[in-house]
ModelCIF file with pLDDT and N, C-alpha, C, O atoms, coordinates in Angstrom:
data_MODEL
#
_entry.id   MODEL 
#
_entity.id                         1 
_entity.type                       polymer 
_entity.pdbx_number_of_molecules   1 
#
_entity_poly.entity_id                      1 
_entity_poly.type                           'polypeptide(L)' 
_entity_poly.nstd_linkage                   no 
_entity_poly.nstd_monomer                   no 
_entity_poly.pdbx_seq_one_letter_code       AGGAPDAARNLGVPVRRVKIALFMMTSLCACLIATFQAVKFTG 
_entity_poly.pdbx_seq_one_letter_code_can   AGGAPDAARNLGVPVRRVKIALFMMTSLCACLIATFQAVKFTG 
_entity_poly.pdbx_strand_id                 A 
#
loop_
_entity_poly_seq.entity_id 
_entity_poly_seq.num 
_entity_poly_seq.mon_id 
_entity_poly_seq.hetero 
1 1  ALA n 
1 2  GLY n 
1 3  GLY n 
1 4  ALA n 
1 5  PRO n 
1 6  ASP n 
1 7  ALA n 
1 8  ALA n 
1 9  ARG n 
1 10 ASN n 
1 11 LEU n 
1 12 GLY n 
1 13 VAL n 
1 14 PRO n 
1 15 VAL n 
1 16 ARG n 
1 17 ARG n 
1 18 VAL n 
1 19 LYS n 
1 20 ILE n 
1 21 ALA n 
1 22 LEU n 
1 23 PHE n 
1 24 MET n 
1 25 MET n 
1 26 THR n 
1 27 SER n 
1 28 LEU n 
1 29 CYS n 
1 30 ALA n 
1 31 CYS n 
1 32 LEU n 
1 33 ILE n 
1 34 ALA n 
1 35 THR n 
1 36 PHE n 
1 37 GLN n 
1 38 ALA n 
1 39 VAL n 
1 40 LYS n 
1 41 PHE n 
1 42 THR n 
1 43 GLY n 
#
_struct_asym.id          A 
_struct_asym.entity_id   1 
#
loop_
_ma_qa_metric.id 
_ma_qa_metric.mode 
_ma_qa_metric.name 
_ma_qa_metric.software_group_id 
_ma_qa_metric.type 
1 global pLDDT . pLDDT 
2 local  pLDDT . pLDDT 
#
_ma_qa_metric_global.metric_id      1 
_ma_qa_metric_global.metric_value   95.26 
_ma_qa_metric_global.model_id       1 
_ma_qa_metric_global.ordinal_id     1 
#
loop_
_ma_qa_metric_local.label_asym_id 
_ma_qa_metric_local.label_comp_id 
_ma_qa_metric_local.label_seq_id 
_ma_qa_metric_local.metric_id 
_ma_qa_metric_local.metric_value 
_ma_qa_metric_local.model_id 
_ma_qa_metric_local.ordinal_id 
A ALA 1  2 95.00 1 1  
A GLY 2  2 93.00 1 2  
A GLY 3  2 89.00 1 3  
A ALA 4  2 90.00 1 4  
A PRO 5  2 92.00 1 5  
A ASP 6  2 91.00 1 6  
A ALA 7  2 93.00 1 7  
A ALA 8  2 93.00 1 8  
A ARG 9  2 93.00 1 9  
A ASN 10 2 92.00 1 10 
A LEU 11 2 91.00 1 11 
A GLY 12 2 92.00 1 12 
A VAL 13 2 94.00 1 13 
A PRO 14 2 96.00 1 14 
A VAL 15 2 95.00 1 15 
A ARG 16 2 96.00 1 16 
A ARG 17 2 97.00 1 17 
A VAL 18 2 97.00 1 18 
A LYS 19 2 97.00 1 19 
A ILE 20 2 98.00 1 20 
A ALA 21 2 97.00 1 21 
A LEU 22 2 98.00 1 22 
A PHE 23 2 98.00 1 23 
A MET 24 2 98.00 1 24 
A MET 25 2 97.00 1 25 
A THR 26 2 97.00 1 26 
A SER 27 2 97.00 1 27 
A LEU 28 2 97.00 1 28 
A CYS 29 2 97.00 1 29 
A ALA 30 2 97.00 1 30 
A CYS 31 2 97.00 1 31 
A LEU 32 2 97.00 1 32 
A ILE 33 2 97.00 1 33 
A ALA 34 2 97.00 1 34 
A THR 35 2 97.00 1 35 
A PHE 36 2 97.00 1 36 
A GLN 37 2 96.00 1 37 
A ALA 38 2 96.00 1 38 
A VAL 39 2 96.00 1 39 
A LYS 40 2 95.00 1 40 
A PHE 41 2 95.00 1 41 
A THR 42 2 95.00 1 42 
A GLY 43 2 94.00 1 43 
#
loop_
_atom_site.group_PDB 
_atom_site.id 
_atom_site.type_symbol 
_atom_site.label_atom_id 
_atom_site.label_alt_id 
_atom_site.label_comp_id 
_atom_site.label_asym_id 
_atom_site.label_entity_id 
_atom_site.label_seq_id 
_atom_site.pdbx_PDB_ins_code 
_atom_site.Cartn_x 
_atom_site.Cartn_y 
_atom_site.Cartn_z 
_atom_site.occupancy 
_atom_site.B_iso_or_equiv 
_atom_site.pdbx_formal_charge 
_atom_site.auth_seq_id 
_atom_site.auth_comp_id 
_atom_site.auth_asym_id 
_atom_site.auth_atom_id 
_atom_site.pdbx_PDB_model_num 
ATOM 1   N N  . ALA A 1 1  ? 78.047  91.371  90.229 1.00 95.00 ? 1  ALA A N  1 
ATOM 2   C CA . ALA A 1 1  ? 77.957  92.528  91.117 1.00 95.00 ? 1  ALA A CA 1 
ATOM 3   C C  . ALA A 1 1  ? 77.308  93.715  90.423 1.00 95.00 ? 1  ALA A C  1 
ATOM 4   O O  . ALA A 1 1  ? 76.633  94.520  91.065 1.00 95.00 ? 1  ALA A O  1 
ATOM 5   N N  . GLY A 1 2  ? 77.512  93.829  89.100 1.00 93.00 ? 2  GLY A N  1 
ATOM 6   C CA . GLY A 1 2  ? 76.940  94.948  88.380 1.00 93.00 ? 2  GLY A CA 1 
ATOM 7   C C  . GLY A 1 2  ? 75.585  94.660  87.771 1.00 93.00 ? 2  GLY A C  1 
ATOM 8   O O  . GLY A 1 2  ? 74.736  95.548  87.689 1.00 93.00 ? 2  GLY A O  1 
ATOM 9   N N  . GLY A 1 3  ? 75.371  93.406  87.337 1.00 89.00 ? 3  GLY A N  1 
ATOM 10  C CA . GLY A 1 3  ? 74.130  93.070  86.656 1.00 89.00 ? 3  GLY A CA 1 
ATOM 11  C C  . GLY A 1 3  ? 72.986  92.727  87.574 1.00 89.00 ? 3  GLY A C  1 
ATOM 12  O O  . GLY A 1 3  ? 71.853  93.158  87.358 1.00 89.00 ? 3  GLY A O  1 
ATOM 13  N N  . ALA A 1 4  ? 73.280  91.947  88.607 1.00 90.00 ? 4  ALA A N  1 
ATOM 14  C CA . ALA A 1 4  ? 72.232  91.532  89.548 1.00 90.00 ? 4  ALA A CA 1 
ATOM 15  C C  . ALA A 1 4  ? 72.861  91.328  90.922 1.00 90.00 ? 4  ALA A C  1 
ATOM 16  O O  . ALA A 1 4  ? 73.057  90.192  91.353 1.00 90.00 ? 4  ALA A O  1 
ATOM 17  N N  . PRO A 1 5  ? 73.179  92.429  91.614 1.00 92.00 ? 5  PRO A N  1 
ATOM 18  C CA . PRO A 1 5  ? 73.905  92.318  92.885 1.00 92.00 ? 5  PRO A CA 1 
ATOM 19  C C  . PRO A 1 5  ? 73.195  91.513  93.961 1.00 92.00 ? 5  PRO A C  1 
ATOM 20  O O  . PRO A 1 5  ? 73.837  90.761  94.695 1.00 92.00 ? 5  PRO A O  1 
ATOM 21  N N  . ASP A 1 6  ? 71.874  91.660  94.066 1.00 91.00 ? 6  ASP A N  1 
ATOM 22  C CA . ASP A 1 6  ? 71.138  90.930  95.096 1.00 91.00 ? 6  ASP A CA 1 
ATOM 23  C C  . ASP A 1 6  ? 71.157  89.429  94.820 1.00 91.00 ? 6  ASP A C  1 
ATOM 24  O O  . ASP A 1 6  ? 71.381  88.627  95.727 1.00 91.00 ? 6  ASP A O  1 
ATOM 25  N N  . ALA A 1 7  ? 70.923  89.056  93.565 1.00 93.00 ? 7  ALA A N  1 
ATOM 26  C CA . ALA A 1 7  ? 70.971  87.641  93.202 1.00 93.00 ? 7  ALA A CA 1 
ATOM 27  C C  . ALA A 1 7  ? 72.378  87.078  93.396 1.00 93.00 ? 7  ALA A C  1 
ATOM 28  O O  . ALA A 1 7  ? 72.544  85.958  93.878 1.00 93.00 ? 7  ALA A O  1 
ATOM 29  N N  . ALA A 1 8  ? 73.383  87.859  93.020 1.00 93.00 ? 8  ALA A N  1 
ATOM 30  C CA . ALA A 1 8  ? 74.774  87.412  93.184 1.00 93.00 ? 8  ALA A CA 1 
ATOM 31  C C  . ALA A 1 8  ? 75.101  87.215  94.657 1.00 93.00 ? 8  ALA A C  1 
ATOM 32  O O  . ALA A 1 8  ? 75.773  86.254  95.032 1.00 93.00 ? 8  ALA A O  1 
ATOM 33  N N  . ARG A 1 9  ? 74.618  88.134  95.487 1.00 93.00 ? 9  ARG A N  1 
ATOM 34  C CA . ARG A 1 9  ? 74.880  88.026  96.932 1.00 93.00 ? 9  ARG A CA 1 
ATOM 35  C C  . ARG A 1 9  ? 74.196  86.785  97.511 1.00 93.00 ? 9  ARG A C  1 
ATOM 36  O O  . ARG A 1 9  ? 74.750  86.123  98.388 1.00 93.00 ? 9  ARG A O  1 
ATOM 37  N N  . ASN A 1 10 ? 73.015  86.476  97.029 1.00 92.00 ? 10 ASN A N  1 
ATOM 38  C CA . ASN A 1 10 ? 72.314  85.284  97.500 1.00 92.00 ? 10 ASN A CA 1 
ATOM 39  C C  . ASN A 1 10 ? 73.013  83.997  97.088 1.00 92.00 ? 10 ASN A C  1 
ATOM 40  O O  . ASN A 1 10 ? 72.860  82.963  97.738 1.00 92.00 ? 10 ASN A O  1 
ATOM 41  N N  . LEU A 1 11 ? 73.784  84.065  96.000 1.00 91.00 ? 11 LEU A N  1 
ATOM 42  C CA . LEU A 1 11 ? 74.532  82.894  95.535 1.00 91.00 ? 11 LEU A CA 1 
ATOM 43  C C  . LEU A 1 11 ? 75.914  82.793  96.172 1.00 91.00 ? 11 LEU A C  1 
ATOM 44  O O  . LEU A 1 11 ? 76.701  81.912  95.826 1.00 91.00 ? 11 LEU A O  1 
ATOM 45  N N  . GLY A 1 12 ? 76.204  83.692  97.098 1.00 92.00 ? 12 GLY A N  1 
ATOM 46  C CA . GLY A 1 12 ? 77.474  83.623  97.817 1.00 92.00 ? 12 GLY A CA 1 
ATOM 47  C C  . GLY A 1 12 ? 78.583  84.481  97.259 1.00 92.00 ? 12 GLY A C  1 
ATOM 48  O O  . GLY A 1 12 ? 79.728  84.370  97.698 1.00 92.00 ? 12 GLY A O  1 
ATOM 49  N N  . VAL A 1 13 ? 78.271  85.340  96.295 1.00 94.00 ? 13 VAL A N  1 
ATOM 50  C CA . VAL A 1 13 ? 79.292  86.222  95.720 1.00 94.00 ? 13 VAL A CA 1 
ATOM 51  C C  . VAL A 1 13 ? 79.595  87.351  96.711 1.00 94.00 ? 13 VAL A C  1 
ATOM 52  O O  . VAL A 1 13 ? 78.674  88.030  97.164 1.00 94.00 ? 13 VAL A O  1 
ATOM 53  N N  . PRO A 1 14 ? 80.873  87.562  97.055 1.00 96.00 ? 14 PRO A N  1 
ATOM 54  C CA . PRO A 1 14 ? 81.226  88.639  97.990 1.00 96.00 ? 14 PRO A CA 1 
ATOM 55  C C  . PRO A 1 14 ? 81.208  89.988  97.276 1.00 96.00 ? 14 PRO A C  1 
ATOM 56  O O  . PRO A 1 14 ? 82.261  90.544  96.964 1.00 96.00 ? 14 PRO A O  1 
ATOM 57  N N  . VAL A 1 15 ? 80.029  90.503  97.022 1.00 95.00 ? 15 VAL A N  1 
ATOM 58  C CA . VAL A 1 15 ? 79.867  91.707  96.210 1.00 95.00 ? 15 VAL A CA 1 
ATOM 59  C C  . VAL A 1 15 ? 80.643  92.884  96.787 1.00 95.00 ? 15 VAL A C  1 
ATOM 60  O O  . VAL A 1 15 ? 81.294  93.621  96.046 1.00 95.00 ? 15 VAL A O  1 
ATOM 61  N N  . ARG A 1 16 ? 80.577  93.065  98.095 1.00 96.00 ? 16 ARG A N  1 
ATOM 62  C CA . ARG A 1 16 ? 81.275  94.203  98.712 1.00 96.00 ? 16 ARG A CA 1 
ATOM 63  C C  . ARG A 1 16 ? 82.776  94.120  98.513 1.00 96.00 ? 16 ARG A C  1 
ATOM 64  O O  . ARG A 1 16 ? 83.416  95.112  98.163 1.00 96.00 ? 16 ARG A O  1 
ATOM 65  N N  . ARG A 1 17 ? 83.341  92.942  98.735 1.00 97.00 ? 17 ARG A N  1 
ATOM 66  C CA . ARG A 1 17 ? 84.789  92.786  98.569 1.00 97.00 ? 17 ARG A CA 1 
ATOM 67  C C  . ARG A 1 17 ? 85.210  92.960  97.118 1.00 97.00 ? 17 ARG A C  1 
ATOM 68  O O  . ARG A 1 17 ? 86.276  93.508  96.839 1.00 97.00 ? 17 ARG A O  1 
ATOM 69  N N  . VAL A 1 18 ? 84.381  92.500  96.201 1.00 97.00 ? 18 VAL A N  1 
ATOM 70  C CA . VAL A 1 18 ? 84.683  92.672  94.776 1.00 97.00 ? 18 VAL A CA 1 
ATOM 71  C C  . VAL A 1 18 ? 84.755  94.150  94.432 1.00 97.00 ? 18 VAL A C  1 
ATOM 72  O O  . VAL A 1 18 ? 85.684  94.584  93.752 1.00 97.00 ? 18 VAL A O  1 
ATOM 73  N N  . LYS A 1 19 ? 83.789  94.923  94.894 1.00 97.00 ? 19 LYS A N  1 
ATOM 74  C CA . LYS A 1 19 ? 83.759  96.342  94.563 1.00 97.00 ? 19 LYS A CA 1 
ATOM 75  C C  . LYS A 1 19 ? 84.917  97.093  95.220 1.00 97.00 ? 19 LYS A C  1 
ATOM 76  O O  . LYS A 1 19 ? 85.514  97.971  94.597 1.00 97.00 ? 19 LYS A O  1 
ATOM 77  N N  . ILE A 1 20 ? 85.236  96.764  96.456 1.00 98.00 ? 20 ILE A N  1 
ATOM 78  C CA . ILE A 1 20 ? 86.374  97.418  97.115 1.00 98.00 ? 20 ILE A CA 1 
ATOM 79  C C  . ILE A 1 20 ? 87.666  97.114  96.367 1.00 98.00 ? 20 ILE A C  1 
ATOM 80  O O  . ILE A 1 20 ? 88.492  98.006  96.169 1.00 98.00 ? 20 ILE A O  1 
ATOM 81  N N  . ALA A 1 21 ? 87.848  95.859  95.948 1.00 97.00 ? 21 ALA A N  1 
ATOM 82  C CA . ALA A 1 21 ? 89.050  95.480  95.196 1.00 97.00 ? 21 ALA A CA 1 
ATOM 83  C C  . ALA A 1 21 ? 89.153  96.250  93.886 1.00 97.00 ? 21 ALA A C  1 
ATOM 84  O O  . ALA A 1 21 ? 90.247  96.641  93.479 1.00 97.00 ? 21 ALA A O  1 
ATOM 85  N N  . LEU A 1 22 ? 88.026  96.467  93.229 1.00 98.00 ? 22 LEU A N  1 
ATOM 86  C CA . LEU A 1 22 ? 88.040  97.181  91.954 1.00 98.00 ? 22 LEU A CA 1 
ATOM 87  C C  . LEU A 1 22 ? 88.327  98.670  92.153 1.00 98.00 ? 22 LEU A C  1 
ATOM 88  O O  . LEU A 1 22 ? 89.009  99.281  91.330 1.00 98.00 ? 22 LEU A O  1 
ATOM 89  N N  . PHE A 1 23 ? 87.817  99.258  93.235 1.00 98.00 ? 23 PHE A N  1 
ATOM 90  C CA . PHE A 1 23 ? 88.167  100.647 93.536 1.00 98.00 ? 23 PHE A CA 1 
ATOM 91  C C  . PHE A 1 23 ? 89.667  100.777 93.790 1.00 98.00 ? 23 PHE A C  1 
ATOM 92  O O  . PHE A 1 23 ? 90.290  101.747 93.359 1.00 98.00 ? 23 PHE A O  1 
ATOM 93  N N  . MET A 1 24 ? 90.236  99.815  94.479 1.00 98.00 ? 24 MET A N  1 
ATOM 94  C CA . MET A 1 24 ? 91.679  99.840  94.725 1.00 98.00 ? 24 MET A CA 1 
ATOM 95  C C  . MET A 1 24 ? 92.457  99.690  93.419 1.00 98.00 ? 24 MET A C  1 
ATOM 96  O O  . MET A 1 24 ? 93.515  100.296 93.247 1.00 98.00 ? 24 MET A O  1 
ATOM 97  N N  . MET A 1 25 ? 91.930  98.883  92.503 1.00 97.00 ? 25 MET A N  1 
ATOM 98  C CA . MET A 1 25 ? 92.597  98.678  91.216 1.00 97.00 ? 25 MET A CA 1 
ATOM 99  C C  . MET A 1 25 ? 92.606  99.960  90.394 1.00 97.00 ? 25 MET A C  1 
ATOM 100 O O  . MET A 1 25 ? 93.617  100.287 89.773 1.00 97.00 ? 25 MET A O  1 
ATOM 101 N N  . THR A 1 26 ? 91.486  100.697 90.380 1.00 97.00 ? 26 THR A N  1 
ATOM 102 C CA . THR A 1 26 ? 91.455  101.939 89.600 1.00 97.00 ? 26 THR A CA 1 
ATOM 103 C C  . THR A 1 26 ? 92.446  102.957 90.158 1.00 97.00 ? 26 THR A C  1 
ATOM 104 O O  . THR A 1 26 ? 93.126  103.645 89.397 1.00 97.00 ? 26 THR A O  1 
ATOM 105 N N  . SER A 1 27 ? 92.527  103.054 91.478 1.00 97.00 ? 27 SER A N  1 
ATOM 106 C CA . SER A 1 27 ? 93.479  103.985 92.084 1.00 97.00 ? 27 SER A CA 1 
ATOM 107 C C  . SER A 1 27 ? 94.918  103.575 91.800 1.00 97.00 ? 27 SER A C  1 
ATOM 108 O O  . SER A 1 27 ? 95.774  104.427 91.565 1.00 97.00 ? 27 SER A O  1 
ATOM 109 N N  . LEU A 1 28 ? 95.183  102.271 91.822 1.00 97.00 ? 28 LEU A N  1 
ATOM 110 C CA . LEU A 1 28 ? 96.534  101.789 91.543 1.00 97.00 ? 28 LEU A CA 1 
ATOM 111 C C  . LEU A 1 28 ? 96.928  102.082 90.098 1.00 97.00 ? 28 LEU A C  1 
ATOM 112 O O  . LEU A 1 28 ? 98.070  102.460 89.835 1.00 97.00 ? 28 LEU A O  1 
ATOM 113 N N  . CYS A 1 29 ? 96.004  101.913 89.169 1.00 97.00 ? 29 CYS A N  1 
ATOM 114 C CA . CYS A 1 29 ? 96.300  102.224 87.762 1.00 97.00 ? 29 CYS A CA 1 
ATOM 115 C C  . CYS A 1 29 ? 96.540  103.720 87.582 1.00 97.00 ? 29 CYS A C  1 
ATOM 116 O O  . CYS A 1 29 ? 97.382  104.119 86.778 1.00 97.00 ? 29 CYS A O  1 
ATOM 117 N N  . ALA A 1 30 ? 95.810  104.548 88.322 1.00 97.00 ? 30 ALA A N  1 
ATOM 118 C CA . ALA A 1 30 ? 96.060  105.988 88.280 1.00 97.00 ? 30 ALA A CA 1 
ATOM 119 C C  . ALA A 1 30 ? 97.466  106.305 88.769 1.00 97.00 ? 30 ALA A C  1 
ATOM 120 O O  . ALA A 1 30 ? 98.140  107.172 88.213 1.00 97.00 ? 30 ALA A O  1 
ATOM 121 N N  . CYS A 1 31 ? 97.904  105.610 89.802 1.00 97.00 ? 31 CYS A N  1 
ATOM 122 C CA . CYS A 1 31 ? 99.261  105.783 90.313 1.00 97.00 ? 31 CYS A CA 1 
ATOM 123 C C  . CYS A 1 31 ? 100.291 105.352 89.274 1.00 97.00 ? 31 CYS A C  1 
ATOM 124 O O  . CYS A 1 31 ? 101.342 105.979 89.143 1.00 97.00 ? 31 CYS A O  1 
ATOM 125 N N  . LEU A 1 32 ? 99.996  104.298 88.547 1.00 97.00 ? 32 LEU A N  1 
ATOM 126 C CA . LEU A 1 32 ? 100.909 103.838 87.499 1.00 97.00 ? 32 LEU A CA 1 
ATOM 127 C C  . LEU A 1 32 ? 101.053 104.891 86.408 1.00 97.00 ? 32 LEU A C  1 
ATOM 128 O O  . LEU A 1 32 ? 102.159 105.145 85.931 1.00 97.00 ? 32 LEU A O  1 
ATOM 129 N N  . ILE A 1 33 ? 99.935  105.507 86.010 1.00 97.00 ? 33 ILE A N  1 
ATOM 130 C CA . ILE A 1 33 ? 99.984  106.582 85.012 1.00 97.00 ? 33 ILE A CA 1 
ATOM 131 C C  . ILE A 1 33 ? 100.816 107.743 85.548 1.00 97.00 ? 33 ILE A C  1 
ATOM 132 O O  . ILE A 1 33 ? 101.616 108.323 84.813 1.00 97.00 ? 33 ILE A O  1 
ATOM 133 N N  . ALA A 1 34 ? 100.635 108.083 86.816 1.00 97.00 ? 34 ALA A N  1 
ATOM 134 C CA . ALA A 1 34 ? 101.405 109.159 87.434 1.00 97.00 ? 34 ALA A CA 1 
ATOM 135 C C  . ALA A 1 34 ? 102.898 108.849 87.401 1.00 97.00 ? 34 ALA A C  1 
ATOM 136 O O  . ALA A 1 34 ? 103.719 109.740 87.182 1.00 97.00 ? 34 ALA A O  1 
ATOM 137 N N  . THR A 1 35 ? 103.244 107.591 87.618 1.00 97.00 ? 35 THR A N  1 
ATOM 138 C CA . THR A 1 35 ? 104.658 107.188 87.589 1.00 97.00 ? 35 THR A CA 1 
ATOM 139 C C  . THR A 1 35 ? 105.232 107.339 86.193 1.00 97.00 ? 35 THR A C  1 
ATOM 140 O O  . THR A 1 35 ? 106.340 107.851 86.033 1.00 97.00 ? 35 THR A O  1 
ATOM 141 N N  . PHE A 1 36 ? 104.488 106.897 85.168 1.00 97.00 ? 36 PHE A N  1 
ATOM 142 C CA . PHE A 1 36 ? 104.938 107.097 83.789 1.00 97.00 ? 36 PHE A CA 1 
ATOM 143 C C  . PHE A 1 36 ? 105.247 108.566 83.534 1.00 97.00 ? 36 PHE A C  1 
ATOM 144 O O  . PHE A 1 36 ? 106.306 108.908 83.007 1.00 97.00 ? 36 PHE A O  1 
ATOM 145 N N  . GLN A 1 37 ? 104.313 109.424 83.912 1.00 96.00 ? 37 GLN A N  1 
ATOM 146 C CA . GLN A 1 37 ? 104.451 110.842 83.601 1.00 96.00 ? 37 GLN A CA 1 
ATOM 147 C C  . GLN A 1 37 ? 105.552 111.506 84.416 1.00 96.00 ? 37 GLN A C  1 
ATOM 148 O O  . GLN A 1 37 ? 106.308 112.322 83.888 1.00 96.00 ? 37 GLN A O  1 
ATOM 149 N N  . ALA A 1 38 ? 105.647 111.163 85.696 1.00 96.00 ? 38 ALA A N  1 
ATOM 150 C CA . ALA A 1 38 ? 106.665 111.774 86.545 1.00 96.00 ? 38 ALA A CA 1 
ATOM 151 C C  . ALA A 1 38 ? 108.073 111.392 86.090 1.00 96.00 ? 38 ALA A C  1 
ATOM 152 O O  . ALA A 1 38 ? 108.969 112.236 86.060 1.00 96.00 ? 38 ALA A O  1 
ATOM 153 N N  . VAL A 1 39 ? 108.267 110.124 85.738 1.00 96.00 ? 39 VAL A N  1 
ATOM 154 C CA . VAL A 1 39 ? 109.585 109.674 85.289 1.00 96.00 ? 39 VAL A CA 1 
ATOM 155 C C  . VAL A 1 39 ? 109.908 110.260 83.918 1.00 96.00 ? 39 VAL A C  1 
ATOM 156 O O  . VAL A 1 39 ? 111.044 110.659 83.662 1.00 96.00 ? 39 VAL A O  1 
ATOM 157 N N  . LYS A 1 40 ? 108.917 110.313 83.042 1.00 95.00 ? 40 LYS A N  1 
ATOM 158 C CA . LYS A 1 40 ? 109.145 110.830 81.686 1.00 95.00 ? 40 LYS A CA 1 
ATOM 159 C C  . LYS A 1 40 ? 109.466 112.320 81.701 1.00 95.00 ? 40 LYS A C  1 
ATOM 160 O O  . LYS A 1 40 ? 110.372 112.770 80.999 1.00 95.00 ? 40 LYS A O  1 
ATOM 161 N N  . PHE A 1 41 ? 108.712 113.095 82.512 1.00 95.00 ? 41 PHE A N  1 
ATOM 162 C CA . PHE A 1 41 ? 108.903 114.549 82.547 1.00 95.00 ? 41 PHE A CA 1 
ATOM 163 C C  . PHE A 1 41 ? 109.798 114.991 83.704 1.00 95.00 ? 41 PHE A C  1 
ATOM 164 O O  . PHE A 1 41 ? 109.989 116.190 83.907 1.00 95.00 ? 41 PHE A O  1 
ATOM 165 N N  . THR A 1 42 ? 110.344 114.050 84.459 1.00 95.00 ? 42 THR A N  1 
ATOM 166 C CA . THR A 1 42 ? 111.255 114.279 85.590 1.00 95.00 ? 42 THR A CA 1 
ATOM 167 C C  . THR A 1 42 ? 110.652 115.229 86.625 1.00 95.00 ? 42 THR A C  1 
ATOM 168 O O  . THR A 1 42 ? 111.360 116.056 87.199 1.00 95.00 ? 42 THR A O  1 
ATOM 169 N N  . GLY A 1 43 ? 109.357 115.111 86.858 1.00 94.00 ? 43 GLY A N  1 
ATOM 170 C CA . GLY A 1 43 ? 108.730 115.947 87.860 1.00 94.00 ? 43 GLY A CA 1 
ATOM 171 C C  . GLY A 1 43 ? 107.221 115.778 87.851 1.00 94.00 ? 43 GLY A C  1 
ATOM 172 O O  . GLY A 1 43 ? 106.523 116.415 88.641 1.00 94.00 ? 43 GLY A O  1 
#
């Protein structure tokens, strides 16, 4: 998806779904960091 998206798409790689899943993963990890900090600092 990052190196050759058009070629990957032609080979059947669901490039759009891969990228959406990765955006969701980054946001989820940000939420995890927020949880660490909120619980540690109680606010």
